[in-house]
Amino acid sequence: MKIIQIKAFCLTSLITICFSTFSMAQSGTVILNEDPAIAKLLEIKKDMNKDDKNSDRYKIQIYSGNLGSAESIKSKFENSNGKIRSQLVFETPNYKVWVGSFRTRLEAERALVDVQKKFTDAFIFKPKKEKE
């Protein structure tokens, strides 16, 4: 008698579990109402992050020397690393190739590890503020 009750209980439980998983499935659509001002703010933030004139940021210098070599190094860097922006800067008497614009020293050091794999002389610095 007890064995029959246990088998009945197990069978009932199994059937209940099977039907409950199928009956709980839901489907629907989500409508997202976003203020257009949010998209504008995101674009402004992206532009601010791309602004290389912000001297409160850290940069990595990968080359300093003549113009021909600087252009060659810059294009080599751009071909090998598309994630980080590079720029050619003239500081008398040398042309320099600077890459990145990092908010913190930690971000710059993380990027430096990757950059130094191909450009072993690379180093981190913080540009001097220009007087207005």
N, C-alpha and C. Protein backbone atom coordinates (compact mmCIF):
# COMPACT_ATOMS: atom_id res chain seq x y z
N MET A 1 0.82 -1.19 0.00
CA MET A 1 0.00 0.00 0.00
C MET A 1 0.86 1.26 0.00
N LYS A 2 1.91 1.26 0.85
CA LYS A 2 2.79 2.42 0.91
C LYS A 2 3.54 2.61 -0.40
N ILE A 3 3.95 1.56 -1.04
CA ILE A 3 4.69 1.63 -2.29
C ILE A 3 3.82 2.26 -3.38
N ILE A 4 2.57 1.91 -3.40
CA ILE A 4 1.64 2.47 -4.40
C ILE A 4 1.48 3.97 -4.15
N GLN A 5 1.38 4.38 -2.89
CA GLN A 5 1.23 5.79 -2.57
C GLN A 5 2.49 6.58 -2.99
N ILE A 6 3.66 6.00 -2.75
CA ILE A 6 4.91 6.66 -3.11
C ILE A 6 5.01 6.79 -4.63
N LYS A 7 4.66 5.72 -5.37
CA LYS A 7 4.71 5.77 -6.82
C LYS A 7 3.72 6.80 -7.37
N ALA A 8 2.54 6.84 -6.77
CA ALA A 8 1.52 7.80 -7.20
C ALA A 8 1.99 9.24 -6.94
N PHE A 9 2.60 9.44 -5.77
CA PHE A 9 3.11 10.77 -5.44
C PHE A 9 4.21 11.19 -6.40
N CYS A 10 5.15 10.32 -6.69
CA CYS A 10 6.24 10.62 -7.61
C CYS A 10 5.71 10.91 -9.01
N LEU A 11 4.77 10.12 -9.48
CA LEU A 11 4.20 10.32 -10.81
C LEU A 11 3.45 11.65 -10.88
N THR A 12 2.70 11.95 -9.84
CA THR A 12 1.95 13.21 -9.79
C THR A 12 2.93 14.40 -9.77
N SER A 13 3.97 14.27 -8.99
CA SER A 13 4.97 15.35 -8.91
C SER A 13 5.66 15.57 -10.25
N LEU A 14 6.01 14.49 -10.91
CA LEU A 14 6.68 14.57 -12.20
C LEU A 14 5.78 15.23 -13.24
N ILE A 15 4.55 14.83 -13.28
CA ILE A 15 3.59 15.42 -14.23
C ILE A 15 3.40 16.91 -13.93
N THR A 16 3.29 17.27 -12.66
CA THR A 16 3.09 18.67 -12.27
C THR A 16 4.29 19.52 -12.68
N ILE A 17 5.49 18.99 -12.47
CA ILE A 17 6.70 19.74 -12.83
C ILE A 17 6.78 19.94 -14.34
N CYS A 18 6.49 18.91 -15.10
CA CYS A 18 6.54 19.01 -16.56
C CYS A 18 5.55 20.05 -17.09
N PHE A 19 4.33 20.02 -16.61
CA PHE A 19 3.33 20.97 -17.09
C PHE A 19 3.59 22.39 -16.61
N SER A 20 4.15 22.53 -15.40
CA SER A 20 4.38 23.88 -14.89
C SER A 20 5.49 24.59 -15.67
N THR A 21 6.50 23.86 -16.14
CA THR A 21 7.56 24.52 -16.92
C THR A 21 7.04 25.00 -18.27
N PHE A 22 6.15 24.24 -18.87
CA PHE A 22 5.61 24.66 -20.16
C PHE A 22 4.58 25.77 -19.99
N SER A 23 3.82 25.75 -18.94
CA SER A 23 2.77 26.74 -18.76
C SER A 23 3.31 28.08 -18.27
N MET A 24 4.52 28.12 -17.72
CA MET A 24 5.08 29.36 -17.22
C MET A 24 5.79 30.16 -18.31
N ALA A 25 6.00 29.60 -19.47
CA ALA A 25 6.68 30.32 -20.54
C ALA A 25 5.84 31.53 -20.94
N GLN A 26 6.54 32.67 -21.08
CA GLN A 26 5.85 33.90 -21.42
C GLN A 26 6.49 34.52 -22.65
N SER A 27 5.70 35.25 -23.38
CA SER A 27 6.24 35.97 -24.51
C SER A 27 5.60 37.35 -24.53
N GLY A 28 6.33 38.29 -25.08
CA GLY A 28 5.80 39.64 -25.11
C GLY A 28 6.78 40.56 -25.81
N THR A 29 6.42 41.81 -25.89
CA THR A 29 7.29 42.80 -26.50
C THR A 29 7.59 43.89 -25.49
N VAL A 30 8.75 44.48 -25.64
CA VAL A 30 9.15 45.57 -24.77
C VAL A 30 9.25 46.82 -25.62
N ILE A 31 8.64 47.87 -25.18
CA ILE A 31 8.70 49.15 -25.87
C ILE A 31 9.54 50.09 -25.01
N LEU A 32 10.59 50.63 -25.61
CA LEU A 32 11.49 51.51 -24.90
C LEU A 32 11.26 52.94 -25.37
N ASN A 33 10.83 53.77 -24.47
CA ASN A 33 10.64 55.18 -24.78
C ASN A 33 11.83 55.94 -24.23
N GLU A 34 12.65 56.48 -25.14
CA GLU A 34 13.87 57.17 -24.74
C GLU A 34 13.79 58.63 -25.17
N ASP A 35 14.14 59.49 -24.26
CA ASP A 35 14.16 60.91 -24.54
C ASP A 35 15.27 61.21 -25.55
N PRO A 36 15.00 61.95 -26.62
CA PRO A 36 16.03 62.27 -27.62
C PRO A 36 17.22 63.03 -27.02
N ALA A 37 17.02 63.70 -25.91
CA ALA A 37 18.11 64.44 -25.28
C ALA A 37 19.20 63.50 -24.77
N ILE A 38 18.84 62.27 -24.44
CA ILE A 38 19.82 61.29 -23.96
C ILE A 38 20.82 60.97 -25.07
N ALA A 39 20.34 60.80 -26.27
CA ALA A 39 21.23 60.51 -27.40
C ALA A 39 22.18 61.68 -27.63
N LYS A 40 21.68 62.91 -27.51
CA LYS A 40 22.53 64.09 -27.69
C LYS A 40 23.60 64.15 -26.60
N LEU A 41 23.22 63.85 -25.37
CA LEU A 41 24.18 63.86 -24.27
C LEU A 41 25.26 62.81 -24.46
N LEU A 42 24.89 61.64 -24.96
CA LEU A 42 25.87 60.60 -25.22
C LEU A 42 26.86 61.03 -26.30
N GLU A 43 26.38 61.71 -27.34
CA GLU A 43 27.28 62.21 -28.39
C GLU A 43 28.24 63.27 -27.84
N ILE A 44 27.73 64.14 -26.98
CA ILE A 44 28.58 65.17 -26.38
C ILE A 44 29.65 64.52 -25.52
N LYS A 45 29.27 63.51 -24.76
CA LYS A 45 30.23 62.80 -23.91
C LYS A 45 31.31 62.12 -24.75
N LYS A 46 30.92 61.51 -25.88
CA LYS A 46 31.90 60.88 -26.76
C LYS A 46 32.88 61.91 -27.30
N ASP A 47 32.36 63.08 -27.70
CA ASP A 47 33.22 64.14 -28.22
C ASP A 47 34.19 64.64 -27.14
N MET A 48 33.71 64.73 -25.91
CA MET A 48 34.58 65.17 -24.82
C MET A 48 35.69 64.16 -24.58
N ASN A 49 35.37 62.89 -24.68
CA ASN A 49 36.37 61.85 -24.46
C ASN A 49 37.40 61.82 -25.57
N LYS A 50 37.02 62.25 -26.78
CA LYS A 50 37.94 62.26 -27.91
C LYS A 50 38.81 63.52 -27.93
N ASP A 51 38.47 64.49 -27.12
CA ASP A 51 39.18 65.77 -27.14
C ASP A 51 40.60 65.60 -26.62
N ASP A 52 41.59 65.70 -27.51
CA ASP A 52 42.98 65.52 -27.13
C ASP A 52 43.60 66.79 -26.53
N LYS A 53 42.87 67.90 -26.55
CA LYS A 53 43.41 69.13 -25.99
C LYS A 53 43.29 69.15 -24.47
N ASN A 54 42.60 68.18 -23.92
CA ASN A 54 42.43 68.10 -22.48
C ASN A 54 43.76 67.64 -21.86
N SER A 55 44.49 68.56 -21.24
CA SER A 55 45.83 68.24 -20.75
C SER A 55 45.81 67.57 -19.38
N ASP A 56 44.63 67.32 -18.83
CA ASP A 56 44.56 66.61 -17.56
C ASP A 56 44.64 65.10 -17.76
N ARG A 57 44.87 64.68 -18.96
CA ARG A 57 44.89 63.26 -19.28
C ARG A 57 46.31 62.77 -19.51
N TYR A 58 46.46 61.47 -19.38
CA TYR A 58 47.76 60.84 -19.64
C TYR A 58 47.83 60.39 -21.09
N LYS A 59 49.04 60.40 -21.63
CA LYS A 59 49.27 59.96 -23.00
C LYS A 59 50.48 59.03 -23.00
N ILE A 60 50.64 58.33 -24.10
CA ILE A 60 51.79 57.45 -24.29
C ILE A 60 52.56 57.98 -25.49
N GLN A 61 53.86 58.18 -25.31
CA GLN A 61 54.70 58.61 -26.43
C GLN A 61 55.44 57.39 -26.96
N ILE A 62 55.31 57.16 -28.28
CA ILE A 62 55.97 56.00 -28.86
C ILE A 62 57.16 56.37 -29.75
N TYR A 63 57.29 57.67 -30.09
CA TYR A 63 58.41 58.07 -30.95
C TYR A 63 58.70 59.55 -30.80
N SER A 64 59.98 59.91 -30.96
CA SER A 64 60.42 61.30 -31.01
C SER A 64 61.60 61.36 -31.97
N GLY A 65 61.48 62.18 -33.02
CA GLY A 65 62.56 62.28 -33.99
C GLY A 65 62.14 63.05 -35.22
N ASN A 66 62.65 62.63 -36.40
CA ASN A 66 62.37 63.38 -37.63
C ASN A 66 60.98 63.07 -38.19
N LEU A 67 60.51 63.93 -39.09
CA LEU A 67 59.16 63.85 -39.62
C LEU A 67 58.89 62.55 -40.37
N GLY A 68 59.80 62.13 -41.24
CA GLY A 68 59.57 60.92 -42.03
C GLY A 68 59.38 59.69 -41.17
N SER A 69 60.23 59.52 -40.19
CA SER A 69 60.12 58.36 -39.29
C SER A 69 58.87 58.46 -38.43
N ALA A 70 58.54 59.68 -38.00
CA ALA A 70 57.35 59.87 -37.16
C ALA A 70 56.09 59.47 -37.92
N GLU A 71 55.99 59.87 -39.19
CA GLU A 71 54.81 59.50 -39.99
C GLU A 71 54.76 57.99 -40.19
N SER A 72 55.90 57.38 -40.41
CA SER A 72 55.97 55.93 -40.60
C SER A 72 55.54 55.18 -39.33
N ILE A 73 56.03 55.62 -38.18
CA ILE A 73 55.68 55.00 -36.90
C ILE A 73 54.19 55.18 -36.62
N LYS A 74 53.67 56.38 -36.92
CA LYS A 74 52.24 56.65 -36.68
C LYS A 74 51.37 55.72 -37.51
N SER A 75 51.69 55.56 -38.80
CA SER A 75 50.87 54.69 -39.65
C SER A 75 51.03 53.23 -39.23
N LYS A 76 52.23 52.84 -38.80
CA LYS A 76 52.45 51.47 -38.31
C LYS A 76 51.59 51.21 -37.08
N PHE A 77 51.54 52.19 -36.18
CA PHE A 77 50.72 52.04 -34.97
C PHE A 77 49.24 51.95 -35.32
N GLU A 78 48.77 52.83 -36.22
CA GLU A 78 47.35 52.83 -36.59
C GLU A 78 46.94 51.52 -37.25
N ASN A 79 47.85 50.92 -38.03
CA ASN A 79 47.55 49.63 -38.66
C ASN A 79 47.54 48.49 -37.66
N SER A 80 48.35 48.59 -36.61
CA SER A 80 48.43 47.49 -35.65
C SER A 80 47.42 47.62 -34.51
N ASN A 81 46.95 48.83 -34.24
CA ASN A 81 46.04 49.04 -33.12
C ASN A 81 44.97 50.05 -33.52
N GLY A 82 43.78 49.58 -33.83
CA GLY A 82 42.71 50.47 -34.25
C GLY A 82 41.90 51.03 -33.10
N LYS A 83 42.13 50.55 -31.89
CA LYS A 83 41.33 50.97 -30.75
C LYS A 83 41.79 52.30 -30.16
N ILE A 84 43.08 52.58 -30.21
CA ILE A 84 43.63 53.77 -29.58
C ILE A 84 44.01 54.78 -30.66
N ARG A 85 43.60 56.01 -30.46
CA ARG A 85 43.91 57.07 -31.42
C ARG A 85 45.35 57.54 -31.27
N SER A 86 45.94 57.97 -32.38
CA SER A 86 47.31 58.49 -32.34
C SER A 86 47.33 59.88 -32.97
N GLN A 87 48.36 60.64 -32.62
CA GLN A 87 48.50 61.97 -33.19
C GLN A 87 49.98 62.31 -33.33
N LEU A 88 50.26 63.13 -34.32
CA LEU A 88 51.61 63.59 -34.60
C LEU A 88 51.73 65.01 -34.06
N VAL A 89 52.71 65.25 -33.21
CA VAL A 89 52.88 66.55 -32.55
C VAL A 89 54.29 67.06 -32.82
N PHE A 90 54.40 68.36 -33.09
CA PHE A 90 55.72 68.96 -33.28
C PHE A 90 56.09 69.76 -32.04
N GLU A 91 57.17 69.37 -31.40
CA GLU A 91 57.76 70.13 -30.30
C GLU A 91 59.22 70.34 -30.68
N THR A 92 59.61 71.57 -30.85
CA THR A 92 60.93 71.90 -31.35
C THR A 92 62.00 71.10 -30.62
N PRO A 93 62.89 70.44 -31.28
CA PRO A 93 63.11 70.28 -32.72
C PRO A 93 62.58 68.95 -33.25
N ASN A 94 61.77 68.24 -32.51
CA ASN A 94 61.36 66.88 -32.88
C ASN A 94 59.87 66.75 -33.16
N TYR A 95 59.56 65.78 -33.98
CA TYR A 95 58.18 65.34 -34.17
C TYR A 95 57.96 64.17 -33.23
N LYS A 96 56.80 64.15 -32.58
CA LYS A 96 56.52 63.10 -31.61
C LYS A 96 55.21 62.43 -31.97
N VAL A 97 55.12 61.14 -31.70
CA VAL A 97 53.89 60.39 -31.91
C VAL A 97 53.33 60.06 -30.54
N TRP A 98 52.16 60.62 -30.27
CA TRP A 98 51.47 60.39 -29.00
C TRP A 98 50.25 59.53 -29.28
N VAL A 99 49.97 58.61 -28.38
CA VAL A 99 48.78 57.76 -28.55
C VAL A 99 47.94 57.80 -27.28
N GLY A 100 46.64 57.71 -27.50
CA GLY A 100 45.70 57.63 -26.39
C GLY A 100 45.44 58.95 -25.71
N SER A 101 44.46 58.92 -24.85
CA SER A 101 44.10 60.03 -23.98
C SER A 101 43.38 59.39 -22.80
N PHE A 102 44.14 59.13 -21.75
CA PHE A 102 43.63 58.31 -20.65
C PHE A 102 43.34 59.18 -19.43
N ARG A 103 42.22 58.93 -18.80
CA ARG A 103 41.82 59.72 -17.63
C ARG A 103 42.68 59.43 -16.42
N THR A 104 43.05 58.17 -16.24
CA THR A 104 43.82 57.80 -15.06
C THR A 104 45.14 57.16 -15.46
N ARG A 105 46.07 57.18 -14.55
CA ARG A 105 47.37 56.56 -14.78
C ARG A 105 47.20 55.05 -14.96
N LEU A 106 46.25 54.47 -14.24
CA LEU A 106 46.00 53.03 -14.33
C LEU A 106 45.55 52.64 -15.74
N GLU A 107 44.64 53.41 -16.34
CA GLU A 107 44.21 53.14 -17.72
C GLU A 107 45.40 53.21 -18.67
N ALA A 108 46.24 54.23 -18.48
CA ALA A 108 47.40 54.41 -19.34
C ALA A 108 48.39 53.24 -19.19
N GLU A 109 48.60 52.78 -17.98
CA GLU A 109 49.52 51.67 -17.75
C GLU A 109 49.00 50.38 -18.38
N ARG A 110 47.71 50.17 -18.33
CA ARG A 110 47.13 48.97 -18.97
C ARG A 110 47.34 49.02 -20.48
N ALA A 111 47.15 50.19 -21.07
CA ALA A 111 47.36 50.33 -22.51
C ALA A 111 48.84 50.23 -22.86
N LEU A 112 49.69 50.74 -21.98
CA LEU A 112 51.14 50.71 -22.22
C LEU A 112 51.66 49.29 -22.36
N VAL A 113 51.10 48.37 -21.61
CA VAL A 113 51.52 46.97 -21.70
C VAL A 113 51.36 46.46 -23.13
N ASP A 114 50.22 46.76 -23.76
CA ASP A 114 49.97 46.32 -25.14
C ASP A 114 50.85 47.09 -26.13
N VAL A 115 50.99 48.38 -25.92
CA VAL A 115 51.76 49.21 -26.85
C VAL A 115 53.23 48.80 -26.85
N GLN A 116 53.77 48.48 -25.67
CA GLN A 116 55.19 48.14 -25.58
C GLN A 116 55.54 46.81 -26.23
N LYS A 117 54.56 46.02 -26.59
CA LYS A 117 54.83 44.78 -27.30
C LYS A 117 55.45 45.06 -28.67
N LYS A 118 55.04 46.16 -29.31
CA LYS A 118 55.57 46.53 -30.63
C LYS A 118 56.47 47.76 -30.58
N PHE A 119 56.25 48.64 -29.61
CA PHE A 119 57.02 49.87 -29.49
C PHE A 119 57.67 49.88 -28.11
N THR A 120 58.83 49.27 -28.01
CA THR A 120 59.46 49.02 -26.71
C THR A 120 59.89 50.29 -25.98
N ASP A 121 60.10 51.39 -26.70
CA ASP A 121 60.55 52.62 -26.05
C ASP A 121 59.40 53.49 -25.57
N ALA A 122 58.18 53.01 -25.67
CA ALA A 122 57.01 53.80 -25.28
C ALA A 122 57.01 54.08 -23.78
N PHE A 123 56.48 55.26 -23.43
CA PHE A 123 56.36 55.63 -22.02
C PHE A 123 55.15 56.52 -21.81
N ILE A 124 54.72 56.60 -20.56
CA ILE A 124 53.54 57.40 -20.18
C ILE A 124 54.01 58.79 -19.73
N PHE A 125 53.22 59.79 -20.08
CA PHE A 125 53.51 61.15 -19.60
C PHE A 125 52.21 61.93 -19.54
N LYS A 126 52.29 63.09 -18.92
CA LYS A 126 51.15 64.00 -18.83
C LYS A 126 51.59 65.31 -19.48
N PRO A 127 50.95 65.69 -20.60
CA PRO A 127 51.37 66.92 -21.31
C PRO A 127 51.26 68.16 -20.43
N LYS A 128 52.16 69.10 -20.67
CA LYS A 128 52.10 70.37 -19.96
C LYS A 128 50.88 71.16 -20.42
N LYS A 129 50.28 71.91 -19.52
CA LYS A 129 49.13 72.73 -19.87
C LYS A 129 49.61 73.92 -20.67
N GLU A 130 48.87 74.21 -21.75
CA GLU A 130 49.19 75.37 -22.58
C GLU A 130 48.66 76.62 -21.93
N LYS A 131 49.44 77.69 -21.96
CA LYS A 131 49.00 78.97 -21.42
C LYS A 131 48.14 79.67 -22.46
N GLU A 132 47.03 80.19 -22.02
CA GLU A 132 46.11 80.86 -22.93
C GLU A 132 46.31 82.34 -22.90
